[in-house]
Protein backbone atom coordinates (compact mmCIF):
# COMPACT_ATOMS: atom_id res chain seq x y z
CA UNK A 1 -34.33 -52.34 5.90
CA UNK A 2 -36.57 -49.96 7.36
CA UNK A 3 -40.07 -50.72 7.45
CA UNK A 4 -42.41 -47.72 7.30
CA UNK A 5 -45.38 -47.76 9.24
CA UNK A 6 -48.70 -45.72 8.03
CA UNK A 7 -49.22 -42.58 9.64
CA UNK A 8 -52.39 -41.78 10.99
CA UNK A 9 -54.40 -39.02 12.50
CA UNK A 10 -56.03 -39.35 15.82
CA UNK A 11 -59.60 -39.51 15.59
CA UNK A 12 -61.46 -36.16 15.88
CA UNK A 13 -63.10 -36.86 19.31
CA UNK A 14 -59.60 -37.30 20.57
CA UNK A 15 -57.96 -34.07 19.66
CA UNK A 16 -58.04 -31.56 22.35
CA UNK A 17 -58.31 -27.83 21.87
CA UNK A 18 -55.24 -25.66 22.92
CA UNK A 19 -55.38 -24.42 26.45
CA UNK A 20 -56.34 -20.59 26.81
CA UNK A 21 -53.97 -18.18 28.05
CA UNK A 22 -54.96 -16.62 31.28
CA UNK A 23 -56.13 -13.17 30.89
CA UNK A 24 -56.38 -13.36 27.12
CA UNK A 25 -59.60 -13.55 25.31
CA UNK A 26 -60.39 -14.60 21.95
CA UNK A 27 -62.54 -12.51 19.62
CA UNK A 28 -65.61 -13.75 18.09
CA UNK A 29 -64.98 -14.12 14.27
CA UNK A 30 -68.97 -14.57 13.32
CA UNK A 31 -69.38 -10.89 12.94
CA UNK A 32 -66.10 -10.29 11.16
CA UNK A 33 -66.17 -12.73 8.48
CA UNK A 34 -68.84 -11.20 6.52
CA UNK A 35 -67.11 -7.68 6.76
CA UNK A 36 -63.88 -9.45 5.40
CA UNK A 37 -65.60 -10.97 2.54
CA UNK A 38 -67.04 -7.73 1.49
CA UNK A 39 -64.08 -5.75 1.73
CA UNK A 40 -62.01 -8.17 -0.02
CA UNK A 41 -64.91 -8.64 -2.88
CA UNK A 42 -64.98 -4.77 -3.26
CA UNK A 43 -61.35 -4.62 -3.17
CA UNK A 44 -61.00 -7.05 -5.97
CA UNK A 45 -63.50 -5.37 -8.12
CA UNK A 46 -61.67 -1.99 -7.73
CA UNK A 47 -58.51 -3.66 -8.48
CA UNK A 48 -60.31 -5.07 -11.91
CA UNK A 49 -61.39 -1.76 -12.86
CA UNK A 50 -57.83 -0.34 -12.41
CA UNK A 51 -56.17 -3.02 -14.50
CA UNK A 52 -58.72 -2.48 -17.24
CA UNK A 53 -58.18 1.27 -17.23
CA UNK A 54 -54.59 0.57 -17.45
CA UNK A 55 -55.08 -2.14 -20.18
CA UNK A 56 -56.99 0.52 -22.09
CA UNK A 57 -54.38 3.30 -21.48
CA UNK A 58 -51.51 1.27 -22.80
CA UNK A 59 -53.28 -0.05 -25.84
CA UNK A 60 -54.79 3.25 -26.97
CA UNK A 61 -53.66 5.46 -29.71
CA UNK A 62 -53.71 8.28 -27.63
CA UNK A 63 -51.03 7.34 -25.62
CA UNK A 64 -48.38 7.73 -28.46
CA UNK A 65 -49.28 11.28 -28.11
CA UNK A 66 -48.48 11.92 -24.42
CA UNK A 67 -45.30 12.84 -23.34
CA UNK A 68 -42.80 10.24 -21.79
CA UNK A 69 -43.04 11.75 -18.09
CA UNK A 70 -46.88 11.16 -18.29
CA UNK A 71 -46.37 7.47 -19.50
CA UNK A 72 -43.48 6.99 -17.07
CA UNK A 73 -45.97 8.24 -13.90
CA UNK A 74 -48.47 5.92 -15.23
CA UNK A 75 -46.15 3.13 -14.95
CA UNK A 76 -44.71 4.07 -11.52
CA UNK A 77 -48.34 4.09 -10.43
CA UNK A 78 -49.19 0.78 -11.62
CA UNK A 79 -46.10 -0.85 -10.31
CA UNK A 80 -46.64 0.96 -7.02
CA UNK A 81 -50.16 -0.42 -6.76
CA UNK A 82 -49.12 -3.75 -7.70
CA UNK A 83 -46.28 -3.76 -4.86
CA UNK A 84 -48.74 -2.78 -2.26
CA UNK A 85 -51.28 -5.42 -3.36
CA UNK A 86 -48.50 -8.45 -3.10
CA UNK A 87 -47.51 -7.18 0.61
């Protein structure tokens, strides 16, 4: 029989930071995290508005009066935006 020993992590005081590469300086992320948060929040808001407009268009009675090409183009726009978000 194989006895399993509990796996424990070393204490935080003993973990060493990785050695920096010579000639490579890492940027400070203090100033960029706020911009990242604002940008992602704005992108999420715009995506929600786009999904709401697409839902209203699909469930609207006027959609039945549109031509097939118009409905197909709206579907292609929605799929392309969905695909670009998932990448």
